[in-house]
Amino acid sequence: MKTDIILCGVGGQGILSIATIIGEAAMKEDLFIKQAEVHGMSQRGGDVQSNLRISSAPINSDLIPLGGADVIISMEPMEALRYLPYLNKEGWIITSSAPFVNIPNYPDIEKVTADLNGLDHVIMLDIEALAKENDIPRSANVILLGAAQKALNIDYNKLEDAIRSVFGRKGDAVVEANIKALAIGRAAQK
């Protein structure tokens, strides 16, 4: 078993929290993990990206080569396209459909959406709207994680356990909001 994941978005969207949850769940399945993070100008809304490699065998490098990613999880549709050269031919993109327009020359969102819809394996959700509708606005990133669960090859219950472990110190309300978000994402991707 091997799954190479690129997580990407804009600073403050929760990419590194998703990486932590996936990593914790992978360890609960006794898998090997390697992670590399690029923070960019994350405090100023810049690009944030993480390579996360999971395998049943030891992993030599923490970086994913071009054409090597099995999954791209993106909190922002343009960022999903930015990392498209890293996706293998059978790989999946799971992305938010709502743009985070933080640059003056942000491309036309209709073009970005059309480019994504032209690919074979894409799940695109308005996670911000789903989070607001379900009264969990701070858990949009975990909705995206729920939508990616099948592509990750990680047991759903292990992701729930990882959420409890990662967010447990923040209290029961935060844990329950994120477990709810995971379930919403899982249901929405079907």
Protein backbone atom coordinates (compact mmCIF):
# COMPACT_ATOMS: atom_id res chain seq x y z
CA MET A 1 0.00 0.00 0.00
CA LYS A 2 1.32 3.43 -0.96
CA THR A 3 -0.47 6.77 -1.16
CA ASP A 4 1.29 10.01 -2.04
CA ILE A 5 -0.74 13.11 -1.17
CA ILE A 6 -0.24 16.78 -1.95
CA LEU A 7 -2.20 19.08 0.34
CA CYS A 8 -2.39 22.67 -0.81
CA GLY A 9 -4.16 25.94 -0.20
CA VAL A 10 -3.64 29.38 1.23
CA GLY A 11 -2.27 30.21 4.66
CA GLY A 12 -4.85 29.88 7.41
CA GLN A 13 -7.16 27.45 5.60
CA GLY A 14 -6.23 24.41 7.68
CA ILE A 15 -4.00 22.43 5.33
CA LEU A 16 -1.52 21.54 8.04
CA SER A 17 -4.36 20.39 10.33
CA ILE A 18 -5.51 18.00 7.60
CA ALA A 19 -1.94 16.69 7.26
CA THR A 20 -1.77 16.13 11.01
CA ILE A 21 -5.06 14.19 11.05
CA ILE A 22 -4.03 12.01 8.09
CA GLY A 23 -0.63 11.38 9.65
CA GLU A 24 -2.16 10.41 12.98
CA ALA A 25 -4.64 8.05 11.27
CA ALA A 26 -1.86 6.46 9.21
CA MET A 27 0.16 5.81 12.37
CA LYS A 28 -2.93 4.17 13.92
CA GLU A 29 -2.91 1.80 10.92
CA ASP A 30 0.80 1.05 11.56
CA LEU A 31 1.83 2.68 8.29
CA PHE A 32 5.03 4.56 7.55
CA ILE A 33 4.71 8.29 6.88
CA LYS A 34 6.97 11.07 5.64
CA GLN A 35 5.94 14.70 5.40
CA ALA A 36 7.47 17.83 3.92
CA GLU A 37 5.85 21.24 4.29
CA VAL A 38 6.24 24.48 2.38
CA HIS A 39 4.71 27.39 4.25
CA GLY A 40 5.47 30.27 1.88
CA MET A 41 3.95 33.50 3.15
CA SER A 42 1.28 31.64 5.08
CA GLN A 43 0.63 34.46 7.54
CA ARG A 44 -0.17 36.75 4.62
CA GLY A 45 -2.44 34.46 2.65
CA GLY A 46 0.36 32.86 0.63
CA ASP A 47 0.66 29.38 -0.77
CA VAL A 48 0.84 26.53 1.75
CA GLN A 49 1.67 23.05 0.54
CA SER A 50 2.50 19.75 2.16
CA ASN A 51 3.77 16.48 0.69
CA LEU A 52 2.49 13.54 2.70
CA ARG A 53 3.64 10.05 1.81
CA ILE A 54 2.03 6.97 3.39
CA SER A 55 3.16 3.40 2.81
CA SER A 56 3.13 -0.07 4.28
CA ALA A 57 6.90 -0.18 3.52
CA PRO A 58 9.63 2.25 4.59
CA ILE A 59 9.74 5.51 2.62
CA ASN A 60 13.06 6.98 1.50
CA SER A 61 12.10 10.52 0.50
CA ASP A 62 9.54 12.95 1.85
CA LEU A 63 9.11 14.71 -1.53
CA ILE A 64 6.67 13.57 -4.21
CA PRO A 65 8.08 13.61 -7.75
CA LEU A 66 6.32 15.06 -10.80
CA GLY A 67 3.59 12.62 -11.85
CA GLY A 68 3.82 10.76 -8.54
CA ALA A 69 0.90 12.05 -6.46
CA ASP A 70 -2.09 9.78 -5.99
CA VAL A 71 -4.22 12.53 -4.45
CA ILE A 72 -4.27 16.33 -4.42
CA ILE A 73 -6.37 17.79 -1.63
CA SER A 74 -6.81 21.50 -2.20
CA MET A 75 -8.61 24.11 -0.15
CA GLU A 76 -8.65 26.37 -3.21
CA PRO A 77 -9.34 25.50 -6.89
CA MET A 78 -6.46 27.46 -8.46
CA GLU A 79 -4.02 25.79 -6.06
CA ALA A 80 -5.31 22.38 -7.23
CA LEU A 81 -4.37 23.33 -10.80
CA ARG A 82 -0.97 24.65 -9.69
CA TYR A 83 0.01 21.15 -8.49
CA LEU A 84 -1.58 19.24 -11.39
CA PRO A 85 1.85 18.31 -12.89
CA TYR A 86 2.49 16.26 -9.73
CA LEU A 87 -0.66 14.15 -10.14
CA ASN A 88 -0.35 10.70 -11.69
CA LYS A 89 -2.69 9.72 -14.54
CA GLU A 90 -5.07 7.81 -12.24
CA GLY A 91 -4.83 10.30 -9.37
CA TRP A 92 -7.67 12.18 -7.71
CA ILE A 93 -8.18 15.87 -7.06
CA ILE A 94 -10.43 16.72 -4.14
CA THR A 95 -10.88 20.49 -3.97
CA SER A 96 -12.99 23.30 -2.71
CA SER A 97 -14.94 24.96 -5.51
CA ALA A 98 -14.86 28.38 -3.83
CA PRO A 99 -11.91 30.55 -4.83
CA PHE A 100 -9.80 32.41 -2.30
CA VAL A 101 -9.01 35.51 -4.34
CA ASN A 102 -5.89 36.86 -2.69
CA ILE A 103 -3.99 38.15 -5.72
CA PRO A 104 -4.94 40.87 -8.20
CA ASN A 105 -4.43 38.63 -11.24
CA TYR A 106 -6.44 35.65 -10.00
CA PRO A 107 -7.56 33.71 -13.09
CA ASP A 108 -11.19 33.64 -14.19
CA ILE A 109 -12.93 31.19 -11.85
CA GLU A 110 -15.10 29.84 -14.67
CA LYS A 111 -11.93 28.88 -16.57
CA VAL A 112 -10.41 27.30 -13.45
CA THR A 113 -13.62 25.32 -12.84
CA ALA A 114 -13.80 24.23 -16.49
CA ASP A 115 -10.18 23.06 -16.39
CA LEU A 116 -10.86 21.01 -13.25
CA ASN A 117 -14.11 19.59 -14.62
CA GLY A 118 -12.22 18.48 -17.73
CA LEU A 119 -10.15 16.05 -15.65
CA ASP A 120 -11.14 12.43 -15.02
CA HIS A 121 -11.03 12.12 -11.24
CA VAL A 122 -12.22 15.28 -9.51
CA ILE A 123 -14.42 15.90 -6.51
CA MET A 124 -15.26 19.58 -6.17
CA LEU A 125 -17.33 20.82 -3.22
CA ASP A 126 -18.26 24.22 -1.85
CA ILE A 127 -16.91 23.32 1.57
CA GLU A 128 -17.37 26.83 2.92
CA ALA A 129 -21.10 26.74 2.15
CA LEU A 130 -21.44 23.22 3.59
CA ALA A 131 -19.64 24.30 6.76
CA LYS A 132 -21.88 27.37 7.21
CA GLU A 133 -25.08 25.41 6.45
CA ASN A 134 -24.15 22.88 9.13
CA ASP A 135 -23.07 25.48 11.70
CA ILE A 136 -19.41 24.37 11.70
CA PRO A 137 -17.69 27.27 9.87
CA ARG A 138 -14.23 26.50 11.28
CA SER A 139 -14.30 22.89 10.05
CA ALA A 140 -14.49 23.37 6.27
CA ASN A 141 -11.06 21.77 5.87
CA VAL A 142 -12.24 18.57 7.57
CA ILE A 143 -15.25 18.44 5.23
CA LEU A 144 -12.71 18.28 2.40
CA LEU A 145 -10.83 15.54 4.25
CA GLY A 146 -14.06 13.52 4.53
CA ALA A 147 -14.58 13.83 0.79
CA ALA A 148 -11.03 12.55 0.23
CA GLN A 149 -11.27 9.56 2.60
CA LYS A 150 -11.77 6.86 -0.03
CA ALA A 151 -8.96 8.17 -2.22
CA LEU A 152 -6.61 8.14 0.78
CA ASN A 153 -7.07 4.41 1.47
CA ILE A 154 -7.34 5.13 5.20
CA ASP A 155 -10.09 3.60 7.30
CA TYR A 156 -12.81 6.13 8.14
CA ASN A 157 -12.84 5.11 11.81
CA LYS A 158 -9.09 5.74 12.02
CA LEU A 159 -9.67 9.29 10.74
CA GLU A 160 -12.33 9.80 13.43
CA ASP A 161 -9.92 8.50 16.08
CA ALA A 162 -7.22 10.83 14.75
CA ILE A 163 -9.60 13.80 15.02
CA ARG A 164 -10.25 12.89 18.66
CA SER A 165 -6.53 12.69 19.30
CA VAL A 166 -5.55 15.87 17.41
CA PHE A 167 -8.38 18.09 18.70
CA GLY A 168 -9.02 16.47 22.09
CA ARG A 169 -7.17 19.18 24.02
CA LYS A 170 -9.50 21.80 22.48
CA GLY A 171 -12.60 20.24 24.04
CA ASP A 172 -15.54 18.06 23.13
CA ALA A 173 -17.33 20.73 21.05
CA VAL A 174 -14.35 21.09 18.69
CA VAL A 175 -13.95 17.31 18.42
CA GLU A 176 -17.64 16.81 17.64
CA ALA A 177 -17.69 19.65 15.08
CA ASN A 178 -14.80 18.04 13.22
CA ILE A 179 -16.28 14.55 13.35
CA LYS A 180 -19.51 16.03 11.97
CA ALA A 181 -17.48 17.76 9.23
CA LEU A 182 -15.75 14.49 8.31
CA ALA A 183 -19.15 12.77 7.95
CA ILE A 184 -20.54 15.63 5.83
CA GLY A 185 -17.58 15.41 3.46
CA ARG A 186 -17.85 11.65 3.20
CA ALA A 187 -21.57 11.89 2.37
CA ALA A 188 -21.06 14.71 -0.14
CA GLN A 189 -18.49 12.87 -2.25
CA LYS A 190 -20.80 9.97 -3.09
